[in-house]
Amino acid sequence: MYIKAALMLAVGLLASTILLLIHPELQVAALLATAVWGFCRAYYFAFYVIEHYVDGAYRFRGLVDFMRYLLRRRE
């Protein structure tokens, strides 16, 4: 799992670096940082908040399972 986490971090850093090298603008950097922050918060909500504050029976399995969970709650 640690290797997987390190590889995902490397992919994110590489993609961000390439994007900023292609478009070295403050506005692009700010939008990229905002997008990363937003996705991190959504991930946190999808797994930590739901499991610990909304539904204690829900367990982390992945984003597809989270979407199924949301669809089941709407029915």
N, C-alpha and C. Protein backbone atom coordinates (compact mmCIF):
# COMPACT_ATOMS: atom_id res chain seq x y z
N MET A 1 0.82 -1.19 0.00
CA MET A 1 0.00 0.00 0.00
C MET A 1 0.87 1.26 0.00
N TYR A 2 1.99 1.21 0.69
CA TYR A 2 2.87 2.39 0.72
C TYR A 2 3.45 2.68 -0.66
N ILE A 3 3.78 1.61 -1.38
CA ILE A 3 4.31 1.80 -2.74
C ILE A 3 3.24 2.40 -3.63
N LYS A 4 2.01 1.91 -3.51
CA LYS A 4 0.90 2.46 -4.29
C LYS A 4 0.70 3.94 -3.97
N ALA A 5 0.73 4.30 -2.70
CA ALA A 5 0.58 5.70 -2.30
C ALA A 5 1.71 6.55 -2.88
N ALA A 6 2.93 6.04 -2.82
CA ALA A 6 4.07 6.79 -3.35
C ALA A 6 3.95 6.97 -4.86
N LEU A 7 3.49 5.94 -5.56
CA LEU A 7 3.32 6.05 -7.00
C LEU A 7 2.22 7.06 -7.35
N MET A 8 1.13 7.06 -6.62
CA MET A 8 0.05 8.02 -6.87
C MET A 8 0.54 9.45 -6.60
N LEU A 9 1.32 9.63 -5.55
CA LEU A 9 1.89 10.95 -5.27
C LEU A 9 2.82 11.38 -6.39
N ALA A 10 3.63 10.45 -6.88
CA ALA A 10 4.56 10.75 -7.98
C ALA A 10 3.80 11.14 -9.24
N VAL A 11 2.71 10.44 -9.55
CA VAL A 11 1.90 10.76 -10.73
C VAL A 11 1.33 12.17 -10.59
N GLY A 12 0.79 12.48 -9.44
CA GLY A 12 0.21 13.81 -9.22
C GLY A 12 1.24 14.91 -9.32
N LEU A 13 2.39 14.69 -8.72
CA LEU A 13 3.46 15.70 -8.79
C LEU A 13 3.98 15.87 -10.21
N LEU A 14 4.14 14.77 -10.93
CA LEU A 14 4.62 14.83 -12.31
C LEU A 14 3.62 15.58 -13.20
N ALA A 15 2.35 15.23 -13.08
CA ALA A 15 1.33 15.88 -13.90
C ALA A 15 1.24 17.37 -13.58
N SER A 16 1.31 17.71 -12.31
CA SER A 16 1.26 19.12 -11.91
C SER A 16 2.47 19.89 -12.42
N THR A 17 3.63 19.28 -12.32
CA THR A 17 4.86 19.92 -12.80
C THR A 17 4.81 20.16 -14.30
N ILE A 18 4.37 19.15 -15.04
CA ILE A 18 4.28 19.29 -16.50
C ILE A 18 3.28 20.39 -16.87
N LEU A 19 2.14 20.39 -16.20
CA LEU A 19 1.14 21.42 -16.47
C LEU A 19 1.70 22.81 -16.22
N LEU A 20 2.41 22.98 -15.12
CA LEU A 20 2.97 24.30 -14.79
C LEU A 20 4.15 24.67 -15.70
N LEU A 21 4.85 23.68 -16.23
CA LEU A 21 5.91 23.97 -17.20
C LEU A 21 5.32 24.40 -18.54
N ILE A 22 4.19 23.81 -18.92
CA ILE A 22 3.53 24.18 -20.16
C ILE A 22 2.89 25.57 -20.05
N HIS A 23 2.27 25.83 -18.91
CA HIS A 23 1.60 27.12 -18.67
C HIS A 23 2.09 27.72 -17.35
N PRO A 24 3.27 28.32 -17.34
CA PRO A 24 3.83 28.86 -16.08
C PRO A 24 3.17 30.20 -15.69
N GLU A 25 1.92 30.10 -15.28
CA GLU A 25 1.16 31.29 -14.90
C GLU A 25 0.62 31.11 -13.49
N LEU A 26 0.54 32.20 -12.76
CA LEU A 26 0.02 32.16 -11.39
C LEU A 26 -1.43 31.71 -11.36
N GLN A 27 -2.21 32.13 -12.34
CA GLN A 27 -3.61 31.75 -12.39
C GLN A 27 -3.77 30.23 -12.57
N VAL A 28 -2.96 29.63 -13.42
CA VAL A 28 -3.01 28.18 -13.63
C VAL A 28 -2.60 27.45 -12.34
N ALA A 29 -1.57 27.93 -11.67
CA ALA A 29 -1.13 27.31 -10.41
C ALA A 29 -2.22 27.40 -9.35
N ALA A 30 -2.88 28.55 -9.27
CA ALA A 30 -3.94 28.73 -8.29
C ALA A 30 -5.14 27.82 -8.59
N LEU A 31 -5.52 27.72 -9.86
CA LEU A 31 -6.62 26.83 -10.24
C LEU A 31 -6.28 25.37 -9.98
N LEU A 32 -5.04 24.99 -10.27
CA LEU A 32 -4.61 23.62 -10.01
C LEU A 32 -4.65 23.31 -8.52
N ALA A 33 -4.15 24.22 -7.71
CA ALA A 33 -4.18 24.02 -6.25
C ALA A 33 -5.61 23.93 -5.73
N THR A 34 -6.48 24.76 -6.26
CA THR A 34 -7.88 24.73 -5.85
C THR A 34 -8.54 23.42 -6.25
N ALA A 35 -8.25 22.92 -7.45
CA ALA A 35 -8.82 21.65 -7.90
C ALA A 35 -8.34 20.50 -7.02
N VAL A 36 -7.05 20.47 -6.73
CA VAL A 36 -6.51 19.41 -5.87
C VAL A 36 -7.15 19.46 -4.49
N TRP A 37 -7.26 20.64 -3.92
CA TRP A 37 -7.87 20.81 -2.60
C TRP A 37 -9.32 20.33 -2.63
N GLY A 38 -10.07 20.71 -3.66
CA GLY A 38 -11.46 20.32 -3.76
C GLY A 38 -11.64 18.81 -3.86
N PHE A 39 -10.81 18.17 -4.68
CA PHE A 39 -10.90 16.71 -4.80
C PHE A 39 -10.50 16.01 -3.50
N CYS A 40 -9.53 16.55 -2.80
CA CYS A 40 -9.14 15.96 -1.50
C CYS A 40 -10.28 16.06 -0.50
N ARG A 41 -10.95 17.19 -0.47
CA ARG A 41 -12.08 17.37 0.46
C ARG A 41 -13.24 16.44 0.09
N ALA A 42 -13.49 16.27 -1.21
CA ALA A 42 -14.56 15.36 -1.65
C ALA A 42 -14.24 13.92 -1.25
N TYR A 43 -12.99 13.52 -1.40
CA TYR A 43 -12.55 12.18 -1.02
C TYR A 43 -12.72 11.98 0.49
N TYR A 44 -12.30 12.98 1.26
CA TYR A 44 -12.44 12.94 2.71
C TYR A 44 -13.92 12.78 3.09
N PHE A 45 -14.79 13.56 2.46
CA PHE A 45 -16.21 13.47 2.75
C PHE A 45 -16.75 12.10 2.39
N ALA A 46 -16.38 11.60 1.20
CA ALA A 46 -16.93 10.33 0.71
C ALA A 46 -16.63 9.18 1.64
N PHE A 47 -15.51 9.20 2.31
CA PHE A 47 -15.15 8.05 3.11
C PHE A 47 -15.10 8.33 4.60
N TYR A 48 -14.41 9.34 5.04
CA TYR A 48 -14.27 9.57 6.47
C TYR A 48 -15.55 10.13 7.09
N VAL A 49 -16.09 11.19 6.52
CA VAL A 49 -17.26 11.83 7.11
C VAL A 49 -18.46 10.90 7.10
N ILE A 50 -18.71 10.24 5.96
CA ILE A 50 -19.86 9.33 5.89
C ILE A 50 -19.72 8.22 6.92
N GLU A 51 -18.54 7.60 7.00
CA GLU A 51 -18.35 6.47 7.92
C GLU A 51 -18.40 6.89 9.39
N HIS A 52 -17.84 8.03 9.72
CA HIS A 52 -17.73 8.41 11.13
C HIS A 52 -18.85 9.30 11.65
N TYR A 53 -19.52 10.04 10.78
CA TYR A 53 -20.53 10.99 11.26
C TYR A 53 -21.93 10.76 10.72
N VAL A 54 -22.07 10.14 9.54
CA VAL A 54 -23.39 10.00 8.93
C VAL A 54 -23.93 8.59 9.08
N ASP A 55 -23.13 7.59 8.72
CA ASP A 55 -23.60 6.20 8.74
C ASP A 55 -22.46 5.30 9.20
N GLY A 56 -22.49 4.92 10.44
CA GLY A 56 -21.42 4.10 11.02
C GLY A 56 -21.31 2.71 10.41
N ALA A 57 -22.37 2.25 9.72
CA ALA A 57 -22.34 0.93 9.10
C ALA A 57 -21.62 0.94 7.75
N TYR A 58 -21.45 2.14 7.16
CA TYR A 58 -20.78 2.23 5.86
C TYR A 58 -19.29 2.00 6.04
N ARG A 59 -18.70 1.18 5.16
CA ARG A 59 -17.27 0.92 5.21
C ARG A 59 -16.64 1.26 3.86
N PHE A 60 -15.44 1.78 3.91
CA PHE A 60 -14.69 2.16 2.72
C PHE A 60 -14.43 0.97 1.83
N ARG A 61 -14.81 1.09 0.56
CA ARG A 61 -14.49 0.08 -0.45
C ARG A 61 -14.00 0.71 -1.73
N GLY A 62 -14.45 1.90 -2.04
CA GLY A 62 -14.04 2.56 -3.28
C GLY A 62 -15.10 3.54 -3.73
N LEU A 63 -14.78 4.31 -4.75
CA LEU A 63 -15.70 5.34 -5.23
C LEU A 63 -16.95 4.76 -5.86
N VAL A 64 -16.84 3.63 -6.54
CA VAL A 64 -18.03 3.00 -7.14
C VAL A 64 -19.00 2.58 -6.05
N ASP A 65 -18.48 1.97 -4.99
CA ASP A 65 -19.34 1.58 -3.88
C ASP A 65 -19.96 2.79 -3.19
N PHE A 66 -19.23 3.89 -3.13
CA PHE A 66 -19.79 5.10 -2.54
C PHE A 66 -20.96 5.61 -3.38
N MET A 67 -20.83 5.56 -4.71
CA MET A 67 -21.93 5.99 -5.58
C MET A 67 -23.14 5.08 -5.39
N ARG A 68 -22.92 3.79 -5.25
CA ARG A 68 -24.03 2.86 -4.98
C ARG A 68 -24.69 3.19 -3.65
N TYR A 69 -23.87 3.52 -2.66
CA TYR A 69 -24.40 3.90 -1.34
C TYR A 69 -25.31 5.12 -1.47
N LEU A 70 -24.86 6.13 -2.22
CA LEU A 70 -25.68 7.33 -2.39
C LEU A 70 -26.99 7.03 -3.10
N LEU A 71 -26.92 6.19 -4.14
CA LEU A 71 -28.14 5.84 -4.87
C LEU A 71 -29.11 5.05 -4.01
N ARG A 72 -28.62 4.17 -3.16
CA ARG A 72 -29.49 3.41 -2.25
C ARG A 72 -30.16 4.32 -1.24
N ARG A 73 -29.46 5.34 -0.78
CA ARG A 73 -30.02 6.25 0.23
C ARG A 73 -31.14 7.11 -0.35
N ARG A 74 -31.10 7.34 -1.66
CA ARG A 74 -32.12 8.16 -2.30
C ARG A 74 -33.42 7.40 -2.49
N GLU A 75 -33.37 6.08 -2.49
CA GLU A 75 -34.58 5.27 -2.74
C GLU A 75 -35.45 5.19 -1.52
